[in-house]
Amino acid sequence: MNELLEKIIQAHGGFDLWSAHDKVEATVVNGGGFFRFKGMPQDTLSRTFDSLAS
């Protein structure tokens, strides 16, 4: 593991905390001022993604 990744994991609870979990889930909404500024279409539907740890 590189030094930056070690610092990030430590700042967010440490490796033992993250190792205790076997799944990550996130809900994403694609929209906001940045997308309008770039001329990209707005998509206000929320989507949930998950990933199991290997």
PDB file of N, CA and C in Angstrom:
ATOM      1  N   MET A   1       0.854  -1.170   0.000  1.00  0.00           N
ATOM      2  CA  MET A   1       0.000   0.000   0.000  1.00  0.00           C
ATOM      3  C   MET A   1       0.899   1.232   0.000  1.00  0.00           C
ATOM      4  N   ASN A   2       0.536   2.226  -0.820  1.00  0.00           N
ATOM      5  CA  ASN A   2       1.403   3.404  -0.858  1.00  0.00           C
ATOM      6  C   ASN A   2       1.115   4.336   0.322  1.00  0.00           C
ATOM      7  N   GLU A   3       2.018   5.268   0.551  1.00  0.00           N
ATOM      8  CA  GLU A   3       1.958   6.136   1.728  1.00  0.00           C
ATOM      9  C   GLU A   3       0.703   7.006   1.750  1.00  0.00           C
ATOM     10  N   LEU A   4       0.310   7.549   0.596  1.00  0.00           N
ATOM     11  CA  LEU A   4      -0.886   8.387   0.545  1.00  0.00           C
ATOM     12  C   LEU A   4      -2.129   7.587   0.912  1.00  0.00           C
ATOM     13  N   LEU A   5      -2.266   6.392   0.367  1.00  0.00           N
ATOM     14  CA  LEU A   5      -3.416   5.549   0.685  1.00  0.00           C
ATOM     15  C   LEU A   5      -3.439   5.200   2.168  1.00  0.00           C
ATOM     16  N   GLU A   6      -2.301   4.912   2.757  1.00  0.00           N
ATOM     17  CA  GLU A   6      -2.226   4.624   4.189  1.00  0.00           C
ATOM     18  C   GLU A   6      -2.714   5.814   5.010  1.00  0.00           C
ATOM     19  N   LYS A   7      -2.319   7.031   4.622  1.00  0.00           N
ATOM     20  CA  LYS A   7      -2.757   8.232   5.338  1.00  0.00           C
ATOM     21  C   LYS A   7      -4.264   8.434   5.214  1.00  0.00           C
ATOM     22  N   ILE A   8      -4.799   8.191   4.041  1.00  0.00           N
ATOM     23  CA  ILE A   8      -6.240   8.356   3.826  1.00  0.00           C
ATOM     24  C   ILE A   8      -7.022   7.362   4.667  1.00  0.00           C
ATOM     25  N   ILE A   9      -6.609   6.112   4.649  1.00  0.00           N
ATOM     26  CA  ILE A   9      -7.304   5.080   5.440  1.00  0.00           C
ATOM     27  C   ILE A   9      -7.208   5.400   6.924  1.00  0.00           C
ATOM     28  N   GLN A  10      -6.050   5.815   7.390  1.00  0.00           N
ATOM     29  CA  GLN A  10      -5.869   6.162   8.801  1.00  0.00           C
ATOM     30  C   GLN A  10      -6.760   7.341   9.192  1.00  0.00           C
ATOM     31  N   ALA A  11      -6.878   8.321   8.311  1.00  0.00           N
ATOM     32  CA  ALA A  11      -7.699   9.500   8.607  1.00  0.00           C
ATOM     33  C   ALA A  11      -9.186   9.172   8.656  1.00  0.00           C
ATOM     34  N   HIS A  12      -9.563   8.036   8.098  1.00  0.00           N
ATOM     35  CA  HIS A  12     -10.976   7.648   8.055  1.00  0.00           C
ATOM     36  C   HIS A  12     -11.256   6.396   8.878  1.00  0.00           C
ATOM     37  N   GLY A  13     -10.548   6.222   9.972  1.00  0.00           N
ATOM     38  CA  GLY A  13     -10.870   5.165  10.913  1.00  0.00           C
ATOM     39  C   GLY A  13      -9.867   4.039  11.006  1.00  0.00           C
ATOM     40  N   GLY A  14      -8.936   3.962  10.086  1.00  0.00           N
ATOM     41  CA  GLY A  14      -7.916   2.928  10.145  1.00  0.00           C
ATOM     42  C   GLY A  14      -8.310   1.648   9.403  1.00  0.00           C
ATOM     43  N   PHE A  15      -7.304   0.859   9.091  1.00  0.00           N
ATOM     44  CA  PHE A  15      -7.489  -0.361   8.299  1.00  0.00           C
ATOM     45  C   PHE A  15      -8.358  -1.385   9.015  1.00  0.00           C
ATOM     46  N   ASP A  16      -8.220  -1.505  10.336  1.00  0.00           N
ATOM     47  CA  ASP A  16      -9.035  -2.480  11.074  1.00  0.00           C
ATOM     48  C   ASP A  16     -10.518  -2.185  10.938  1.00  0.00           C
ATOM     49  N   LEU A  17     -10.886  -0.904  11.006  1.00  0.00           N
ATOM     50  CA  LEU A  17     -12.289  -0.528  10.843  1.00  0.00           C
ATOM     51  C   LEU A  17     -12.797  -0.915   9.457  1.00  0.00           C
ATOM     52  N   TRP A  18     -12.027  -0.556   8.418  1.00  0.00           N
ATOM     53  CA  TRP A  18     -12.461  -0.842   7.053  1.00  0.00           C
ATOM     54  C   TRP A  18     -12.444  -2.334   6.763  1.00  0.00           C
ATOM     55  N   SER A  19     -11.554  -3.080   7.381  1.00  0.00           N
ATOM     56  CA  SER A  19     -11.483  -4.530   7.169  1.00  0.00           C
ATOM     57  C   SER A  19     -12.666  -5.255   7.797  1.00  0.00           C
ATOM     58  N   ALA A  20     -13.324  -4.613   8.745  1.00  0.00           N
ATOM     59  CA  ALA A  20     -14.455  -5.243   9.428  1.00  0.00           C
ATOM     60  C   ALA A  20     -15.710  -5.273   8.561  1.00  0.00           C
ATOM     61  N   HIS A  21     -15.703  -4.574   7.429  1.00  0.00           N
ATOM     62  CA  HIS A  21     -16.877  -4.490   6.559  1.00  0.00           C
ATOM     63  C   HIS A  21     -16.638  -5.279   5.277  1.00  0.00           C
ATOM     64  N   ASP A  22     -17.722  -5.815   4.716  1.00  0.00           N
ATOM     65  CA  ASP A  22     -17.570  -6.590   3.490  1.00  0.00           C
ATOM     66  C   ASP A  22     -18.323  -5.998   2.305  1.00  0.00           C
ATOM     67  N   LYS A  23     -18.937  -4.820   2.492  1.00  0.00           N
ATOM     68  CA  LYS A  23     -19.708  -4.209   1.411  1.00  0.00           C
ATOM     69  C   LYS A  23     -19.665  -2.686   1.521  1.00  0.00           C
ATOM     70  N   VAL A  24     -19.592  -2.023   0.360  1.00  0.00           N
ATOM     71  CA  VAL A  24     -19.662  -0.568   0.279  1.00  0.00           C
ATOM     72  C   VAL A  24     -20.856  -0.227  -0.604  1.00  0.00           C
ATOM     73  N   GLU A  25     -21.646   0.771  -0.189  1.00  0.00           N
ATOM     74  CA  GLU A  25     -22.808   1.185  -0.965  1.00  0.00           C
ATOM     75  C   GLU A  25     -22.814   2.703  -1.069  1.00  0.00           C
ATOM     76  N   ALA A  26     -23.162   3.217  -2.262  1.00  0.00           N
ATOM     77  CA  ALA A  26     -23.219   4.663  -2.478  1.00  0.00           C
ATOM     78  C   ALA A  26     -24.439   5.002  -3.328  1.00  0.00           C
ATOM     79  N   THR A  27     -25.080   6.121  -3.004  1.00  0.00           N
ATOM     80  CA  THR A  27     -26.166   6.643  -3.820  1.00  0.00           C
ATOM     81  C   THR A  27     -25.657   7.890  -4.520  1.00  0.00           C
ATOM     82  N   VAL A  28     -25.837   7.943  -5.842  1.00  0.00           N
ATOM     83  CA  VAL A  28     -25.274   9.012  -6.660  1.00  0.00           C
ATOM     84  C   VAL A  28     -26.394   9.712  -7.425  1.00  0.00           C
ATOM     85  N   VAL A  29     -26.353  11.044  -7.432  1.00  0.00           N
ATOM     86  CA  VAL A  29     -27.247  11.850  -8.259  1.00  0.00           C
ATOM     87  C   VAL A  29     -26.367  12.699  -9.166  1.00  0.00           C
ATOM     88  N   ASN A  30     -26.582  12.611 -10.466  1.00  0.00           N
ATOM     89  CA  ASN A  30     -25.781  13.324 -11.452  1.00  0.00           C
ATOM     90  C   ASN A  30     -26.508  14.611 -11.807  1.00  0.00           C
ATOM     91  N   GLY A  31     -26.072  15.715 -11.246  1.00  0.00           N
ATOM     92  CA  GLY A  31     -26.700  16.997 -11.540  1.00  0.00           C
ATOM     93  C   GLY A  31     -26.006  18.108 -10.806  1.00  0.00           C
ATOM     94  N   GLY A  32     -26.517  19.298 -10.958  1.00  0.00           N
ATOM     95  CA  GLY A  32     -25.963  20.439 -10.263  1.00  0.00           C
ATOM     96  C   GLY A  32     -25.394  21.473 -11.216  1.00  0.00           C
ATOM     97  N   GLY A  33     -24.911  22.555 -10.645  1.00  0.00           N
ATOM     98  CA  GLY A  33     -24.426  23.687 -11.419  1.00  0.00           C
ATOM     99  C   GLY A  33     -23.279  23.363 -12.353  1.00  0.00           C
ATOM    100  N   PHE A  34     -22.380  22.495 -11.934  1.00  0.00           N
ATOM    101  CA  PHE A  34     -21.227  22.164 -12.776  1.00  0.00           C
ATOM    102  C   PHE A  34     -21.669  21.561 -14.096  1.00  0.00           C
ATOM    103  N   PHE A  35     -22.642  20.656 -14.053  1.00  0.00           N
ATOM    104  CA  PHE A  35     -23.101  20.003 -15.274  1.00  0.00           C
ATOM    105  C   PHE A  35     -23.804  20.999 -16.200  1.00  0.00           C
ATOM    106  N   ARG A  36     -24.591  21.903 -15.637  1.00  0.00           N
ATOM    107  CA  ARG A  36     -25.225  22.950 -16.451  1.00  0.00           C
ATOM    108  C   ARG A  36     -24.157  23.835 -17.090  1.00  0.00           C
ATOM    109  N   PHE A  37     -23.152  24.205 -16.320  1.00  0.00           N
ATOM    110  CA  PHE A  37     -22.062  25.051 -16.809  1.00  0.00           C
ATOM    111  C   PHE A  37     -21.350  24.408 -17.996  1.00  0.00           C
ATOM    112  N   LYS A  38     -21.166  23.105 -17.940  1.00  0.00           N
ATOM    113  CA  LYS A  38     -20.479  22.368 -19.008  1.00  0.00           C
ATOM    114  C   LYS A  38     -21.411  22.001 -20.161  1.00  0.00           C
ATOM    115  N   GLY A  39     -22.707  22.338 -20.033  1.00  0.00           N
ATOM    116  CA  GLY A  39     -23.655  22.035 -21.100  1.00  0.00           C
ATOM    117  C   GLY A  39     -24.052  20.568 -21.158  1.00  0.00           C
ATOM    118  N   MET A  40     -23.877  19.855 -20.051  1.00  0.00           N
ATOM    119  CA  MET A  40     -24.224  18.436 -20.007  1.00  0.00           C
ATOM    120  C   MET A  40     -25.674  18.283 -19.563  1.00  0.00           C
ATOM    121  N   PRO A  41     -26.343  17.258 -20.072  1.00  0.00           N
ATOM    122  CA  PRO A  41     -27.743  17.056 -19.672  1.00  0.00           C
ATOM    123  C   PRO A  41     -27.864  16.731 -18.183  1.00  0.00           C
ATOM    124  N   GLN A  42     -28.947  17.208 -17.572  1.00  0.00           N
ATOM    125  CA  GLN A  42     -29.213  16.951 -16.161  1.00  0.00           C
ATOM    126  C   GLN A  42     -29.910  15.611 -16.002  1.00  0.00           C
ATOM    127  N   ASP A  43     -29.510  14.860 -15.031  1.00  0.00           N
ATOM    128  CA  ASP A  43     -30.119  13.567 -14.716  1.00  0.00           C
ATOM    129  C   ASP A  43     -30.338  13.554 -13.210  1.00  0.00           C
ATOM    130  N   THR A  44     -31.562  13.791 -12.768  1.00  0.00           N
ATOM    131  CA  THR A  44     -31.825  13.906 -11.337  1.00  0.00           C
ATOM    132  C   THR A  44     -32.250  12.587 -10.692  1.00  0.00           C
ATOM    133  N   LEU A  45     -32.235  11.496 -11.453  1.00  0.00           N
ATOM    134  CA  LEU A  45     -32.547  10.193 -10.864  1.00  0.00           C
ATOM    135  C   LEU A  45     -31.397   9.737  -9.980  1.00  0.00           C
ATOM    136  N   SER A  46     -31.715   9.251  -8.801  1.00  0.00           N
ATOM    137  CA  SER A  46     -30.652   8.730  -7.941  1.00  0.00           C
ATOM    138  C   SER A  46     -30.418   7.260  -8.274  1.00  0.00           C
ATOM    139  N   ARG A  47     -29.187   6.849  -8.192  1.00  0.00           N
ATOM    140  CA  ARG A  47     -28.805   5.466  -8.463  1.00  0.00           C
ATOM    141  C   ARG A  47     -27.975   4.960  -7.298  1.00  0.00           C
ATOM    142  N   THR A  48     -28.224   3.727  -6.918  1.00  0.00           N
ATOM    143  CA  THR A  48     -27.480   3.121  -5.816  1.00  0.00           C
ATOM    144  C   THR A  48     -26.564   2.046  -6.362  1.00  0.00           C
ATOM    145  N   PHE A  49     -25.306   2.096  -5.975  1.00  0.00           N
ATOM    146  CA  PHE A  49     -24.303   1.124  -6.385  1.00  0.00           C
ATOM    147  C   PHE A  49     -23.758   0.445  -5.146  1.00  0.00           C
ATOM    148  N   ASP A  50     -23.415  -0.821  -5.291  1.00  0.00           N
ATOM    149  CA  ASP A  50     -22.740  -1.496  -4.179  1.00  0.00           C
ATOM    150  C   ASP A  50     -21.642  -2.389  -4.710  1.00  0.00           C
ATOM    151  N   SER A  51     -20.720  -2.693  -3.848  1.00  0.00           N
ATOM    152  CA  SER A  51     -19.599  -3.538  -4.208  1.00  0.00           C
ATOM    153  C   SER A  51     -19.226  -4.405  -3.009  1.00  0.00           C
ATOM    154  N   LEU A  52     -19.040  -5.677  -3.261  1.00  0.00           N
ATOM    155  CA  LEU A  52     -18.601  -6.585  -2.207  1.00  0.00           C
ATOM    156  C   LEU A  52     -17.082  -6.613  -2.169  1.00  0.00           C
ATOM    157  N   ALA A  53     -16.518  -6.676  -0.991  1.00  0.00           N
ATOM    158  CA  ALA A  53     -15.065  -6.763  -0.848  1.00  0.00           C
ATOM    159  C   ALA A  53     -14.604  -8.146  -1.283  1.00  0.00           C
ATOM    160  N   SER A  54     -13.425  -8.193  -1.850  1.00  0.00           N
ATOM    161  CA  SER A  54     -12.889  -9.490  -2.288  1.00  0.00           C
ATOM    162  C   SER A  54     -11.903 -10.019  -1.275  1.00  0.00           C
TER     163      SER A  54
END
